[in-house]
């Protein structure tokens, strides 16, 4: 990669990082392209060179959260210094922390994005492409340490995962008010989800 390409890549990431901070704190509706450009120490003209629209930029933020989230959890699974239960606990804490830091308005955008209501289904496709490998790895580790019941099959666990996610993310899913109410109970739901995976 030459110097110019590297600068472009860094600038694009700076804009994405700034957008993430703005959307997470202020929400999608209250955040303007001008706000993001200012936070990124850039101009709106430069921003539009990398992202076609505000929704395109917000979609990129959600996509990075999906890809980055799976990468972080995968890294935690690779930590040989921790037990499976410690890894599960870390993932639960991380999941709740992320939820706590998302403004309700951007959470609504994320739900709409997963449901394809923003005019694109790339995020859901990426999520579906990543989930199987990760959850198989998690289940295999849990079984190896005799934490996950051997009676829990990969297929059964994936159905369970999909039921949990689809409740919010299906196109005719929960209304915004109910989604926000669920967010208030994220800690409980994450606890129920992960310990349901254990199956004991």
Protein backbone atom coordinates (compact mmCIF):
# COMPACT_ATOMS: atom_id res chain seq x y z
CA UNK A 1 0.00 0.00 0.00
CA UNK A 2 1.48 3.36 -1.04
CA UNK A 3 1.42 6.47 1.12
CA UNK A 4 -1.64 7.99 -0.56
CA UNK A 5 -3.68 4.80 -0.19
CA UNK A 6 -2.66 4.55 3.45
CA UNK A 7 -3.75 8.15 4.10
CA UNK A 8 -7.11 7.46 2.44
CA UNK A 9 -7.62 4.33 4.52
CA UNK A 10 -6.79 6.22 7.72
CA UNK A 11 -9.10 9.10 6.80
CA UNK A 12 -11.96 6.70 6.08
CA UNK A 13 -11.40 5.04 9.46
CA UNK A 14 -11.25 8.43 11.20
CA UNK A 15 -14.64 9.31 9.72
CA UNK A 16 -16.07 5.93 10.72
CA UNK A 17 -14.73 6.28 14.28
CA UNK A 18 -16.16 9.80 14.56
CA UNK A 19 -19.52 8.62 13.24
CA UNK A 20 -19.58 5.75 15.71
CA UNK A 21 -18.98 8.11 18.65
CA UNK A 22 -21.61 10.59 17.43
CA UNK A 23 -24.30 8.02 16.69
CA UNK A 24 -23.73 6.11 19.92
CA UNK A 25 -23.98 9.24 22.04
CA UNK A 26 -26.53 11.39 20.19
CA UNK A 27 -28.46 8.91 18.07
CA UNK A 28 -29.04 8.73 14.35
CA UNK A 29 -31.63 11.49 13.97
CA UNK A 30 -29.83 14.13 16.03
CA UNK A 31 -26.44 13.52 14.41
CA UNK A 32 -25.78 15.47 11.22
CA UNK A 33 -23.15 14.88 8.56
CA UNK A 34 -21.68 18.23 9.64
CA UNK A 35 -21.36 16.92 13.23
CA UNK A 36 -19.49 13.85 12.02
CA UNK A 37 -17.21 15.82 9.72
CA UNK A 38 -16.34 18.18 12.57
CA UNK A 39 -15.61 15.29 14.95
CA UNK A 40 -13.43 13.67 12.28
CA UNK A 41 -11.57 16.98 11.69
CA UNK A 42 -12.66 16.75 8.08
CA UNK A 43 -14.98 18.47 5.63
CA UNK A 44 -18.38 17.27 4.49
CA UNK A 45 -17.03 17.13 0.94
CA UNK A 46 -14.30 14.73 2.06
CA UNK A 47 -16.78 12.65 4.02
CA UNK A 48 -18.97 12.18 0.95
CA UNK A 49 -15.97 10.90 -0.98
CA UNK A 50 -15.97 7.85 1.29
CA UNK A 51 -19.65 7.49 2.22
CA UNK A 52 -22.53 8.30 -0.12
CA UNK A 53 -24.97 9.38 2.58
CA UNK A 54 -25.66 9.55 6.28
CA UNK A 55 -27.49 6.24 6.16
CA UNK A 56 -24.58 4.66 4.28
CA UNK A 57 -22.23 5.84 7.01
CA UNK A 58 -24.52 4.64 9.80
CA UNK A 59 -24.78 1.27 8.04
CA UNK A 60 -20.97 1.08 7.96
CA UNK A 61 -20.94 1.72 11.73
CA UNK A 62 -23.38 -1.14 12.34
CA UNK A 63 -21.40 -3.40 10.01
CA UNK A 64 -18.19 -2.65 11.87
CA UNK A 65 -19.94 -3.38 15.18
CA UNK A 66 -21.04 -6.78 13.87
CA UNK A 67 -17.68 -7.72 12.36
CA UNK A 68 -15.66 -6.19 15.21
CA UNK A 69 -17.88 -7.77 17.83
CA UNK A 70 -17.43 -11.25 16.43
CA UNK A 71 -13.67 -10.65 16.07
CA UNK A 72 -13.44 -9.57 19.71
CA UNK A 73 -15.43 -12.54 20.96
CA UNK A 74 -13.36 -14.87 18.79
CA UNK A 75 -10.20 -13.42 20.34
CA UNK A 76 -11.64 -14.07 23.79
CA UNK A 77 -12.31 -17.70 22.87
CA UNK A 78 -8.65 -18.04 21.79
CA UNK A 79 -7.39 -16.90 25.22
CA UNK A 80 -5.93 -20.12 26.62
CA UNK A 81 -5.30 -18.54 30.02
CA UNK A 82 -9.01 -18.44 30.85
CA UNK A 83 -11.62 -21.09 31.47
CA UNK A 84 -14.67 -21.37 29.27
CA UNK A 85 -16.88 -19.94 32.03
CA UNK A 86 -14.54 -16.95 32.45
CA UNK A 87 -14.74 -16.34 28.70
CA UNK A 88 -18.53 -16.54 28.82
CA UNK A 89 -18.57 -14.06 31.70
CA UNK A 90 -16.33 -11.66 29.78
CA UNK A 91 -18.58 -11.87 26.72
CA UNK A 92 -21.67 -11.22 28.83
CA UNK A 93 -20.07 -8.14 30.42
CA UNK A 94 -18.91 -6.84 27.04
CA UNK A 95 -22.34 -7.35 25.49
CA UNK A 96 -24.07 -5.43 28.27
CA UNK A 97 -21.46 -2.64 28.19
CA UNK A 98 -21.97 -2.16 24.45
CA UNK A 99 -25.75 -2.07 24.86
CA UNK A 100 -25.50 0.45 27.70
CA UNK A 101 -23.46 2.80 25.51
CA UNK A 102 -25.84 2.83 22.52
CA UNK A 103 -28.34 5.69 22.46
CA UNK A 104 -31.93 4.52 22.14
CA UNK A 105 -32.30 6.30 18.82
CA UNK A 106 -29.28 4.58 17.28
CA UNK A 107 -30.47 1.29 18.73
CA UNK A 108 -33.66 1.83 16.71
CA UNK A 109 -31.57 2.44 13.59
CA UNK A 110 -29.69 -0.81 14.26
CA UNK A 111 -32.93 -2.77 14.63
CA UNK A 112 -34.26 -1.21 11.41
CA UNK A 113 -30.97 -2.06 9.69
CA UNK A 114 -31.18 -5.71 10.69
CA UNK A 115 -34.77 -5.76 9.52
CA UNK A 116 -33.84 -4.28 6.13
CA UNK A 117 -36.05 -1.24 6.72
CA UNK A 118 -33.26 1.16 5.73
CA UNK A 119 -33.17 -0.20 2.19
CA UNK A 120 -30.35 -2.74 2.49
CA UNK A 121 -29.79 -6.23 3.92
CA UNK A 122 -25.95 -6.35 3.92
CA UNK A 123 -25.73 -6.21 7.72
CA UNK A 124 -28.00 -9.20 8.28
CA UNK A 125 -26.21 -11.18 5.56
CA UNK A 126 -22.83 -10.46 7.19
CA UNK A 127 -24.19 -11.43 10.60
CA UNK A 128 -25.54 -14.71 9.21
CA UNK A 129 -22.23 -15.47 7.49
CA UNK A 130 -20.24 -14.99 10.69
CA UNK A 131 -22.48 -16.58 13.28
CA UNK A 132 -22.19 -20.28 12.44
CA UNK A 133 -18.40 -20.57 12.68
CA UNK A 134 -18.23 -18.56 15.89
CA UNK A 135 -20.99 -20.42 17.73
CA UNK A 136 -19.65 -23.81 16.65
CA UNK A 137 -16.27 -22.82 18.10
CA UNK A 138 -17.91 -21.66 21.33
CA UNK A 139 -19.98 -24.83 21.70
CA UNK A 140 -17.01 -27.08 20.94
CA UNK A 141 -14.94 -25.35 23.65
CA UNK A 142 -17.79 -25.58 26.14
CA UNK A 143 -18.23 -29.29 25.47
CA UNK A 144 -14.48 -29.91 25.76
CA UNK A 145 -14.53 -28.40 29.26
CA UNK A 146 -17.75 -30.26 30.16
CA UNK A 147 -19.60 -26.98 30.63
CA UNK A 148 -21.97 -27.17 27.65
CA UNK A 149 -24.19 -30.23 27.74
CA UNK A 150 -23.36 -32.77 25.06
CA UNK A 151 -27.12 -33.07 24.60
CA UNK A 152 -27.11 -29.57 23.06
CA UNK A 153 -26.46 -30.05 19.33
CA UNK A 154 -25.02 -27.35 17.07
CA UNK A 155 -28.29 -27.28 15.13
CA UNK A 156 -30.38 -26.95 18.27
CA UNK A 157 -28.16 -24.17 19.61
CA UNK A 158 -28.40 -22.27 16.31
CA UNK A 159 -32.21 -22.50 16.37
CA UNK A 160 -32.10 -21.12 19.92
CA UNK A 161 -29.78 -18.29 18.84
CA UNK A 162 -31.97 -17.46 15.85
CA UNK A 163 -35.12 -17.36 17.98
CA UNK A 164 -33.46 -14.89 20.31
CA UNK A 165 -32.19 -12.63 17.52
CA UNK A 166 -35.20 -12.96 15.24
CA UNK A 167 -37.53 -11.72 17.96
CA UNK A 168 -36.00 -8.28 17.49
CA UNK A 169 -34.55 -8.44 14.01
CA UNK A 170 -37.28 -10.01 11.87
CA UNK A 171 -38.99 -7.56 9.45
CA UNK A 172 -42.26 -7.64 11.40
CA UNK A 173 -40.40 -7.62 14.71
CA UNK A 174 -40.80 -5.58 17.85
CA UNK A 175 -41.80 -1.94 17.75
CA UNK A 176 -39.27 0.65 18.81
CA UNK A 177 -40.87 1.13 22.22
CA UNK A 178 -40.67 -2.58 22.98
CA UNK A 179 -37.11 -2.77 21.61
CA UNK A 180 -36.06 0.00 24.00
CA UNK A 181 -37.82 -1.80 26.85
CA UNK A 182 -35.83 -4.94 25.98
CA UNK A 183 -32.64 -2.87 26.02
CA UNK A 184 -33.40 -1.92 29.65
CA UNK A 185 -33.32 -5.63 30.49
CA UNK A 186 -30.22 -6.43 28.44
CA UNK A 187 -28.27 -7.78 31.42
CA UNK A 188 -31.03 -10.24 32.29
CA UNK A 189 -31.54 -11.30 28.68
CA UNK A 190 -27.82 -11.83 28.07
CA UNK A 191 -27.64 -13.91 31.26
CA UNK A 192 -30.62 -16.03 30.17
CA UNK A 193 -29.21 -16.43 26.66
CA UNK A 194 -25.72 -17.56 27.61
CA UNK A 195 -26.83 -19.86 30.39
CA UNK A 196 -29.43 -21.30 28.05
CA UNK A 197 -26.60 -22.20 25.67
CA UNK A 198 -24.91 -24.09 28.53
CA UNK A 199 -28.02 -26.26 28.75
CA UNK A 200 -27.55 -27.43 32.34
